Amino acid sequence: MLRPALSVDRTGTSSCHLRLVGTGPDPSDVRVRITALLVCTSLDSDRSVPLPDDVRTAMRDWPAPDPNR
């Protein structure tokens, strides 16, 4: 069994840093750690563009990362 926990570490103007930690039944049994940087880009110009306000707000309001993971 794998219990995933997703957190938003940081949100920028056009990007966000995510962390995913998967544990076993015991929370101290960390089985996987994944970090990802997502960047919002224009399909027309292939350049970064600001995250939409509603997306940035939702990511800011996401639960804070657990410092124990």
Protein backbone atom coordinates (compact mmCIF):
# COMPACT_ATOMS: atom_id res chain seq x y z
CA MET A 1 0.00 0.00 0.00
CA LEU A 2 1.28 3.47 -0.89
CA ARG A 3 -0.10 6.62 0.74
CA PRO A 4 0.66 9.69 -1.38
CA ALA A 5 0.96 13.21 0.05
CA LEU A 6 1.20 16.16 -2.34
CA SER A 7 2.40 19.59 -1.25
CA VAL A 8 3.17 22.88 -2.96
CA ASP A 9 6.58 24.09 -1.79
CA ARG A 10 6.64 27.39 -3.64
CA THR A 11 4.55 29.29 -6.18
CA GLY A 12 6.13 31.84 -8.48
CA THR A 13 4.83 34.12 -11.20
CA SER A 14 4.76 31.43 -13.86
CA SER A 15 5.81 28.29 -12.00
CA CYS A 16 5.25 26.12 -8.96
CA HIS A 17 7.41 23.62 -7.10
CA LEU A 18 5.60 20.44 -6.03
CA ARG A 19 6.61 17.64 -3.70
CA LEU A 20 5.07 14.17 -3.59
CA VAL A 21 5.96 11.76 -0.80
CA GLY A 22 4.66 8.20 -0.78
CA THR A 23 4.75 6.24 2.45
CA GLY A 24 3.74 2.80 3.58
CA PRO A 25 1.18 2.18 6.34
CA ASP A 26 3.73 3.60 8.80
CA PRO A 27 4.32 7.31 7.92
CA SER A 28 8.03 6.92 8.71
CA ASP A 29 8.27 4.25 5.97
CA VAL A 30 9.03 6.63 3.07
CA ARG A 31 9.01 4.66 -0.17
CA VAL A 32 9.26 7.45 -2.76
CA ARG A 33 10.04 11.18 -2.88
CA ILE A 34 9.36 13.19 -6.00
CA THR A 35 9.92 16.87 -6.65
CA ALA A 36 8.64 18.63 -9.74
CA LEU A 37 8.84 22.10 -11.20
CA LEU A 38 5.81 22.99 -13.33
CA VAL A 39 6.02 26.01 -15.61
CA CYS A 40 3.05 27.62 -17.35
CA THR A 41 4.01 28.28 -20.99
CA SER A 42 2.41 29.71 -24.09
CA LEU A 43 1.79 27.14 -26.82
CA ASP A 44 2.29 29.90 -29.37
CA SER A 45 5.61 31.34 -28.20
CA ASP A 46 7.04 28.49 -26.08
CA ARG A 47 7.80 31.11 -23.39
CA SER A 48 6.70 31.18 -19.80
CA VAL A 49 3.53 33.11 -19.02
CA PRO A 50 2.04 34.08 -15.65
CA LEU A 51 -0.07 31.48 -13.91
CA PRO A 52 -3.77 32.40 -13.98
CA ASP A 53 -4.78 34.12 -10.73
CA ASP A 54 -7.23 31.38 -9.75
CA VAL A 55 -4.56 28.69 -10.21
CA ARG A 56 -1.96 30.66 -8.23
CA THR A 57 -4.49 31.23 -5.41
CA ALA A 58 -5.46 27.55 -5.30
CA MET A 59 -1.79 26.53 -5.10
CA ARG A 60 -1.05 29.07 -2.38
CA ASP A 61 -4.00 27.73 -0.35
CA TRP A 62 -2.88 24.10 -0.77
CA PRO A 63 -1.74 22.48 2.51
CA ALA A 64 1.78 23.40 3.55
CA PRO A 65 4.50 20.76 3.29
CA ASP A 66 5.02 18.52 6.31
CA PRO A 67 8.48 19.39 7.68
CA ASN A 68 8.90 15.78 8.87
CA ARG A 69 8.93 14.41 5.30
